[in-house]
Amino acid sequence: MCSTIKQGGFTMDHTKFKAGSELRERVLLVAGRLFTEGGYPNVSMRRIASEIGCSQMAMYRHFPDKEALMQQLCIDLYE
């Protein structure tokens, strides 16, 4: 079963997905939205993982911590 949710200009397809670049892109997309909505200090890696539907450990393969995730968002923004 596939469900697509559109929130705040972001479209998320809540189906199973492969780890790798697809997971990395979802982490960046969801983290960017959550940081914008709630502020950086109020968003945890656990919350991001929960929104995506993956484990925290899966996210840590791509980003060692929340600061590294935010740095990548900033790099992407300026590129």
PDB file of N, CA and C in Angstrom:
ATOM      1  N   MET A   1       0.839  -1.182   0.000  1.00  0.00           N
ATOM      2  CA  MET A   1       0.000   0.000   0.000  1.00  0.00           C
ATOM      3  C   MET A   1       0.883   1.243   0.000  1.00  0.00           C
ATOM      4  N   CYS A   2       0.463   2.224  -0.722  1.00  0.00           N
ATOM      5  CA  CYS A   2       1.229   3.464  -0.860  1.00  0.00           C
ATOM      6  C   CYS A   2       0.354   4.628  -0.450  1.00  0.00           C
ATOM      7  N   SER A   3       0.898   5.521   0.332  1.00  0.00           N
ATOM      8  CA  SER A   3       0.164   6.737   0.665  1.00  0.00           C
ATOM      9  C   SER A   3       1.083   7.923   0.461  1.00  0.00           C
ATOM     10  N   THR A   4       0.556   8.943  -0.164  1.00  0.00           N
ATOM     11  CA  THR A   4       1.329  10.149  -0.406  1.00  0.00           C
ATOM     12  C   THR A   4       0.728  11.276   0.404  1.00  0.00           C
ATOM     13  N   ILE A   5       1.563  11.959   1.157  1.00  0.00           N
ATOM     14  CA  ILE A   5       1.104  13.056   1.999  1.00  0.00           C
ATOM     15  C   ILE A   5       1.830  14.314   1.566  1.00  0.00           C
ATOM     16  N   LYS A   6       1.076  15.376   1.378  1.00  0.00           N
ATOM     17  CA  LYS A   6       1.683  16.656   1.023  1.00  0.00           C
ATOM     18  C   LYS A   6       1.478  17.601   2.188  1.00  0.00           C
ATOM     19  N   GLN A   7       2.590  18.092   2.757  1.00  0.00           N
ATOM     20  CA  GLN A   7       2.534  19.006   3.881  1.00  0.00           C
ATOM     21  C   GLN A   7       3.502  20.151   3.634  1.00  0.00           C
ATOM     22  N   GLY A   8       3.010  21.331   3.730  1.00  0.00           N
ATOM     23  CA  GLY A   8       3.870  22.502   3.640  1.00  0.00           C
ATOM     24  C   GLY A   8       4.747  22.531   2.399  1.00  0.00           C
ATOM     25  N   GLY A   9       4.227  22.069   1.270  1.00  0.00           N
ATOM     26  CA  GLY A   9       4.999  22.085   0.038  1.00  0.00           C
ATOM     27  C   GLY A   9       5.875  20.872  -0.154  1.00  0.00           C
ATOM     28  N   PHE A  10       5.920  19.972   0.829  1.00  0.00           N
ATOM     29  CA  PHE A  10       6.729  18.770   0.727  1.00  0.00           C
ATOM     30  C   PHE A  10       5.811  17.587   0.471  1.00  0.00           C
ATOM     31  N   THR A  11       6.180  16.740  -0.455  1.00  0.00           N
ATOM     32  CA  THR A  11       5.414  15.536  -0.722  1.00  0.00           C
ATOM     33  C   THR A  11       6.223  14.342  -0.269  1.00  0.00           C
ATOM     34  N   MET A  12       5.622  13.535   0.590  1.00  0.00           N
ATOM     35  CA  MET A  12       6.299  12.350   1.097  1.00  0.00           C
ATOM     36  C   MET A  12       5.513  11.123   0.685  1.00  0.00           C
ATOM     37  N   ASP A  13       6.164  10.180   0.058  1.00  0.00           N
ATOM     38  CA  ASP A  13       5.566   8.910  -0.308  1.00  0.00           C
ATOM     39  C   ASP A  13       5.921   7.925   0.794  1.00  0.00           C
ATOM     40  N   HIS A  14       4.936   7.514   1.586  1.00  0.00           N
ATOM     41  CA  HIS A  14       5.189   6.659   2.744  1.00  0.00           C
ATOM     42  C   HIS A  14       5.162   5.182   2.361  1.00  0.00           C
ATOM     43  N   THR A  15       6.070   4.788   1.490  1.00  0.00           N
ATOM     44  CA  THR A  15       6.245   3.389   1.147  1.00  0.00           C
ATOM     45  C   THR A  15       7.627   2.988   1.627  1.00  0.00           C
ATOM     46  N   LYS A  16       7.895   1.706   1.631  1.00  0.00           N
ATOM     47  CA  LYS A  16       9.233   1.245   2.000  1.00  0.00           C
ATOM     48  C   LYS A  16      10.216   1.744   0.942  1.00  0.00           C
ATOM     49  N   PHE A  17      11.405   2.081   1.361  1.00  0.00           N
ATOM     50  CA  PHE A  17      12.407   2.570   0.434  1.00  0.00           C
ATOM     51  C   PHE A  17      13.744   1.956   0.783  1.00  0.00           C
ATOM     52  N   LYS A  18      14.637   1.986  -0.154  1.00  0.00           N
ATOM     53  CA  LYS A  18      15.960   1.420   0.056  1.00  0.00           C
ATOM     54  C   LYS A  18      16.832   2.413   0.800  1.00  0.00           C
ATOM     55  N   ALA A  19      17.715   1.874   1.614  1.00  0.00           N
ATOM     56  CA  ALA A  19      18.710   2.725   2.268  1.00  0.00           C
ATOM     57  C   ALA A  19      19.659   3.222   1.191  1.00  0.00           C
ATOM     58  N   GLY A  20      20.408   4.218   1.495  1.00  0.00           N
ATOM     59  CA  GLY A  20      21.355   4.763   0.535  1.00  0.00           C
ATOM     60  C   GLY A  20      20.971   6.182   0.202  1.00  0.00           C
ATOM     61  N   SER A  21      21.142   6.536  -1.058  1.00  0.00           N
ATOM     62  CA  SER A  21      20.909   7.920  -1.455  1.00  0.00           C
ATOM     63  C   SER A  21      19.452   8.331  -1.268  1.00  0.00           C
ATOM     64  N   GLU A  22      18.517   7.397  -1.430  1.00  0.00           N
ATOM     65  CA  GLU A  22      17.110   7.742  -1.232  1.00  0.00           C
ATOM     66  C   GLU A  22      16.833   8.085   0.232  1.00  0.00           C
ATOM     67  N   LEU A  23      17.388   7.318   1.143  1.00  0.00           N
ATOM     68  CA  LEU A  23      17.218   7.612   2.566  1.00  0.00           C
ATOM     69  C   LEU A  23      17.876   8.940   2.910  1.00  0.00           C
ATOM     70  N   ARG A  24      19.060   9.162   2.399  1.00  0.00           N
ATOM     71  CA  ARG A  24      19.778  10.418   2.656  1.00  0.00           C
ATOM     72  C   ARG A  24      18.943  11.617   2.209  1.00  0.00           C
ATOM     73  N   GLU A  25      18.349  11.528   1.038  1.00  0.00           N
ATOM     74  CA  GLU A  25      17.529  12.625   0.533  1.00  0.00           C
ATOM     75  C   GLU A  25      16.284  12.832   1.383  1.00  0.00           C
ATOM     76  N   ARG A  26      15.674  11.745   1.842  1.00  0.00           N
ATOM     77  CA  ARG A  26      14.500  11.868   2.715  1.00  0.00           C
ATOM     78  C   ARG A  26      14.880  12.512   4.045  1.00  0.00           C
ATOM     79  N   VAL A  27      16.019  12.125   4.589  1.00  0.00           N
ATOM     80  CA  VAL A  27      16.476  12.715   5.852  1.00  0.00           C
ATOM     81  C   VAL A  27      16.637  14.219   5.676  1.00  0.00           C
ATOM     82  N   LEU A  28      17.275  14.632   4.608  1.00  0.00           N
ATOM     83  CA  LEU A  28      17.477  16.061   4.371  1.00  0.00           C
ATOM     84  C   LEU A  28      16.157  16.793   4.172  1.00  0.00           C
ATOM     85  N   LEU A  29      15.252  16.198   3.431  1.00  0.00           N
ATOM     86  CA  LEU A  29      13.961  16.826   3.171  1.00  0.00           C
ATOM     87  C   LEU A  29      13.160  16.998   4.461  1.00  0.00           C
ATOM     88  N   VAL A  30      13.044  15.938   5.221  1.00  0.00           N
ATOM     89  CA  VAL A  30      12.254  15.983   6.463  1.00  0.00           C
ATOM     90  C   VAL A  30      12.933  16.862   7.511  1.00  0.00           C
ATOM     91  N   ALA A  31      14.230  16.740   7.658  1.00  0.00           N
ATOM     92  CA  ALA A  31      14.949  17.560   8.640  1.00  0.00           C
ATOM     93  C   ALA A  31      14.799  19.045   8.312  1.00  0.00           C
ATOM     94  N   GLY A  32      14.930  19.395   7.049  1.00  0.00           N
ATOM     95  CA  GLY A  32      14.765  20.793   6.651  1.00  0.00           C
ATOM     96  C   GLY A  32      13.392  21.328   7.020  1.00  0.00           C
ATOM     97  N   ARG A  33      12.365  20.521   6.773  1.00  0.00           N
ATOM     98  CA  ARG A  33      11.005  20.929   7.107  1.00  0.00           C
ATOM     99  C   ARG A  33      10.830  21.068   8.616  1.00  0.00           C
ATOM    100  N   LEU A  34      11.299  20.076   9.373  1.00  0.00           N
ATOM    101  CA  LEU A  34      11.137  20.119  10.822  1.00  0.00           C
ATOM    102  C   LEU A  34      11.928  21.256  11.457  1.00  0.00           C
ATOM    103  N   PHE A  35      13.151  21.503  10.985  1.00  0.00           N
ATOM    104  CA  PHE A  35      13.944  22.605  11.518  1.00  0.00           C
ATOM    105  C   PHE A  35      13.255  23.935  11.241  1.00  0.00           C
ATOM    106  N   THR A  36      12.664  24.060  10.059  1.00  0.00           N
ATOM    107  CA  THR A  36      11.964  25.293   9.695  1.00  0.00           C
ATOM    108  C   THR A  36      10.730  25.491  10.557  1.00  0.00           C
ATOM    109  N   GLU A  37       9.973  24.414  10.759  1.00  0.00           N
ATOM    110  CA  GLU A  37       8.726  24.510  11.529  1.00  0.00           C
ATOM    111  C   GLU A  37       8.960  24.671  13.029  1.00  0.00           C
ATOM    112  N   GLY A  38       9.905  23.917  13.592  1.00  0.00           N
ATOM    113  CA  GLY A  38      10.034  23.889  15.041  1.00  0.00           C
ATOM    114  C   GLY A  38      11.292  24.497  15.599  1.00  0.00           C
ATOM    115  N   GLY A  39      12.245  24.815  14.738  1.00  0.00           N
ATOM    116  CA  GLY A  39      13.518  25.340  15.203  1.00  0.00           C
ATOM    117  C   GLY A  39      14.511  24.223  15.493  1.00  0.00           C
ATOM    118  N   TYR A  40      15.753  24.474  15.171  1.00  0.00           N
ATOM    119  CA  TYR A  40      16.817  23.476  15.323  1.00  0.00           C
ATOM    120  C   TYR A  40      16.884  22.851  16.714  1.00  0.00           C
ATOM    121  N   PRO A  41      16.845  23.649  17.791  1.00  0.00           N
ATOM    122  CA  PRO A  41      16.978  23.054  19.131  1.00  0.00           C
ATOM    123  C   PRO A  41      15.825  22.126  19.518  1.00  0.00           C
ATOM    124  N   ASN A  42      14.677  22.291  18.872  1.00  0.00           N
ATOM    125  CA  ASN A  42      13.487  21.535  19.246  1.00  0.00           C
ATOM    126  C   ASN A  42      13.270  20.263  18.436  1.00  0.00           C
ATOM    127  N   VAL A  43      14.205  19.928  17.570  1.00  0.00           N
ATOM    128  CA  VAL A  43      14.060  18.746  16.712  1.00  0.00           C
ATOM    129  C   VAL A  43      15.177  17.767  17.047  1.00  0.00           C
ATOM    130  N   SER A  44      14.809  16.533  17.306  1.00  0.00           N
ATOM    131  CA  SER A  44      15.799  15.500  17.613  1.00  0.00           C
ATOM    132  C   SER A  44      15.979  14.561  16.426  1.00  0.00           C
ATOM    133  N   MET A  45      17.085  13.852  16.429  1.00  0.00           N
ATOM    134  CA  MET A  45      17.317  12.838  15.403  1.00  0.00           C
ATOM    135  C   MET A  45      16.230  11.767  15.501  1.00  0.00           C
ATOM    136  N   ARG A  46      15.796  11.469  16.704  1.00  0.00           N
ATOM    137  CA  ARG A  46      14.727  10.479  16.906  1.00  0.00           C
ATOM    138  C   ARG A  46      13.437  10.924  16.216  1.00  0.00           C
ATOM    139  N   ARG A  47      13.122  12.202  16.345  1.00  0.00           N
ATOM    140  CA  ARG A  47      11.893  12.714  15.710  1.00  0.00           C
ATOM    141  C   ARG A  47      12.001  12.663  14.189  1.00  0.00           C
ATOM    142  N   ILE A  48      13.149  13.002  13.658  1.00  0.00           N
ATOM    143  CA  ILE A  48      13.345  12.947  12.206  1.00  0.00           C
ATOM    144  C   ILE A  48      13.161  11.505  11.726  1.00  0.00           C
ATOM    145  N   ALA A  49      13.793  10.568  12.410  1.00  0.00           N
ATOM    146  CA  ALA A  49      13.676   9.153  12.037  1.00  0.00           C
ATOM    147  C   ALA A  49      12.228   8.693  12.106  1.00  0.00           C
ATOM    148  N   SER A  50      11.522   9.118  13.127  1.00  0.00           N
ATOM    149  CA  SER A  50      10.118   8.744  13.280  1.00  0.00           C
ATOM    150  C   SER A  50       9.270   9.270  12.130  1.00  0.00           C
ATOM    151  N   GLU A  51       9.497  10.502  11.734  1.00  0.00           N
ATOM    152  CA  GLU A  51       8.752  11.107  10.624  1.00  0.00           C
ATOM    153  C   GLU A  51       9.022  10.368   9.313  1.00  0.00           C
ATOM    154  N   ILE A  52      10.244   9.923   9.133  1.00  0.00           N
ATOM    155  CA  ILE A  52      10.629   9.230   7.899  1.00  0.00           C
ATOM    156  C   ILE A  52      10.132   7.791   7.908  1.00  0.00           C
ATOM    157  N   GLY A  53      10.149   7.192   9.088  1.00  0.00           N
ATOM    158  CA  GLY A  53       9.778   5.788   9.192  1.00  0.00           C
ATOM    159  C   GLY A  53      10.978   4.870   9.090  1.00  0.00           C
ATOM    160  N   CYS A  54      12.117   5.346   9.588  1.00  0.00           N
ATOM    161  CA  CYS A  54      13.326   4.531   9.595  1.00  0.00           C
ATOM    162  C   CYS A  54      13.911   4.541  11.008  1.00  0.00           C
ATOM    163  N   SER A  55      14.917   3.741  11.242  1.00  0.00           N
ATOM    164  CA  SER A  55      15.564   3.729  12.544  1.00  0.00           C
ATOM    165  C   SER A  55      16.570   4.873  12.635  1.00  0.00           C
ATOM    166  N   GLN A  56      16.871   5.255  13.864  1.00  0.00           N
ATOM    167  CA  GLN A  56      17.904   6.277  14.049  1.00  0.00           C
ATOM    168  C   GLN A  56      19.238   5.779  13.511  1.00  0.00           C
ATOM    169  N   MET A  57      19.517   4.509  13.721  1.00  0.00           N
ATOM    170  CA  MET A  57      20.794   3.949  13.262  1.00  0.00           C
ATOM    171  C   MET A  57      20.951   4.071  11.753  1.00  0.00           C
ATOM    172  N   ALA A  58      19.865   3.922  11.012  1.00  0.00           N
ATOM    173  CA  ALA A  58      19.930   4.081   9.556  1.00  0.00           C
ATOM    174  C   ALA A  58      20.340   5.504   9.194  1.00  0.00           C
ATOM    175  N   MET A  59      19.821   6.478   9.937  1.00  0.00           N
ATOM    176  CA  MET A  59      20.185   7.877   9.669  1.00  0.00           C
ATOM    177  C   MET A  59      21.641   8.147  10.005  1.00  0.00           C
ATOM    178  N   TYR A  60      22.117   7.521  11.092  1.00  0.00           N
ATOM    179  CA  TYR A  60      23.498   7.764  11.516  1.00  0.00           C
ATOM    180  C   TYR A  60      24.516   7.221  10.521  1.00  0.00           C
ATOM    181  N   ARG A  61      24.114   6.373   9.605  1.00  0.00           N
ATOM    182  CA  ARG A  61      25.026   5.936   8.540  1.00  0.00           C
ATOM    183  C   ARG A  61      25.359   7.082   7.598  1.00  0.00           C
ATOM    184  N   HIS A  62      24.453   8.053   7.522  1.00  0.00           N
ATOM    185  CA  HIS A  62      24.634   9.188   6.616  1.00  0.00           C
ATOM    186  C   HIS A  62      25.082  10.459   7.335  1.00  0.00           C
ATOM    187  N   PHE A  63      24.602  10.637   8.547  1.00  0.00           N
ATOM    188  CA  PHE A  63      24.915  11.842   9.318  1.00  0.00           C
ATOM    189  C   PHE A  63      25.259  11.428  10.747  1.00  0.00           C
ATOM    190  N   PRO A  64      26.483  11.693  11.205  1.00  0.00           N
ATOM    191  CA  PRO A  64      26.894  11.235  12.525  1.00  0.00           C
ATOM    192  C   PRO A  64      26.147  11.906  13.680  1.00  0.00           C
ATOM    193  N   ASP A  65      25.612  13.098  13.431  1.00  0.00           N
ATOM    194  CA  ASP A  65      24.865  13.807  14.469  1.00  0.00           C
ATOM    195  C   ASP A  65      24.022  14.906  13.832  1.00  0.00           C
ATOM    196  N   LYS A  66      23.235  15.561  14.656  1.00  0.00           N
ATOM    197  CA  LYS A  66      22.322  16.604  14.168  1.00  0.00           C
ATOM    198  C   LYS A  66      23.084  17.784  13.578  1.00  0.00           C
ATOM    199  N   GLU A  67      24.221  18.104  14.154  1.00  0.00           N
ATOM    200  CA  GLU A  67      25.024  19.218  13.631  1.00  0.00           C
ATOM    201  C   GLU A  67      25.506  18.940  12.208  1.00  0.00           C
ATOM    202  N   ALA A  68      25.957  17.725  11.954  1.00  0.00           N
ATOM    203  CA  ALA A  68      26.400  17.353  10.606  1.00  0.00           C
ATOM    204  C   ALA A  68      25.243  17.424   9.618  1.00  0.00           C
ATOM    205  N   LEU A  69      24.073  17.041  10.063  1.00  0.00           N
ATOM    206  CA  LEU A  69      22.875  17.124   9.223  1.00  0.00           C
ATOM    207  C   LEU A  69      22.565  18.579   8.882  1.00  0.00           C
ATOM    208  N   MET A  70      22.616  19.445   9.874  1.00  0.00           N
ATOM    209  CA  MET A  70      22.363  20.870   9.635  1.00  0.00           C
ATOM    210  C   MET A  70      23.420  21.480   8.716  1.00  0.00           C
ATOM    211  N   GLN A  71      24.668  21.089   8.897  1.00  0.00           N
ATOM    212  CA  GLN A  71      25.733  21.587   8.027  1.00  0.00           C
ATOM    213  C   GLN A  71      25.472  21.199   6.579  1.00  0.00           C
ATOM    214  N   GLN A  72      25.015  19.962   6.355  1.00  0.00           N
ATOM    215  CA  GLN A  72      24.732  19.534   4.984  1.00  0.00           C
ATOM    216  C   GLN A  72      23.561  20.316   4.399  1.00  0.00           C
ATOM    217  N   LEU A  73      22.558  20.589   5.204  1.00  0.00           N
ATOM    218  CA  LEU A  73      21.438  21.414   4.734  1.00  0.00           C
ATOM    219  C   LEU A  73      21.920  22.800   4.321  1.00  0.00           C
ATOM    220  N   CYS A  74      22.820  23.383   5.102  1.00  0.00           N
ATOM    221  CA  CYS A  74      23.372  24.703   4.774  1.00  0.00           C
ATOM    222  C   CYS A  74      24.200  24.656   3.498  1.00  0.00           C
ATOM    223  N   ILE A  75      25.013  23.630   3.342  1.00  0.00           N
ATOM    224  CA  ILE A  75      25.816  23.461   2.124  1.00  0.00           C
ATOM    225  C   ILE A  75      24.903  23.368   0.907  1.00  0.00           C
ATOM    226  N   ASP A  76      23.870  22.536   1.015  1.00  0.00           N
ATOM    227  CA  ASP A  76      22.926  22.384  -0.097  1.00  0.00           C
ATOM    228  C   ASP A  76      22.220  23.687  -0.417  1.00  0.00           C
ATOM    229  N   LEU A  77      21.886  24.456   0.607  1.00  0.00           N
ATOM    230  CA  LEU A  77      21.210  25.728   0.419  1.00  0.00           C
ATOM    231  C   LEU A  77      22.089  26.708  -0.367  1.00  0.00           C
ATOM    232  N   TYR A  78      23.365  26.748  -0.020  1.00  0.00           N
ATOM    233  CA  TYR A  78      24.259  27.711  -0.653  1.00  0.00           C
ATOM    234  C   TYR A  78      24.761  27.274  -2.020  1.00  0.00           C
ATOM    235  N   GLU A  79      24.611  25.997  -2.323  1.00  0.00           N
ATOM    236  CA  GLU A  79      25.001  25.515  -3.656  1.00  0.00           C
ATOM    237  C   GLU A  79      23.862  25.761  -4.582  1.00  0.00           C
TER     238      GLU A  79
END
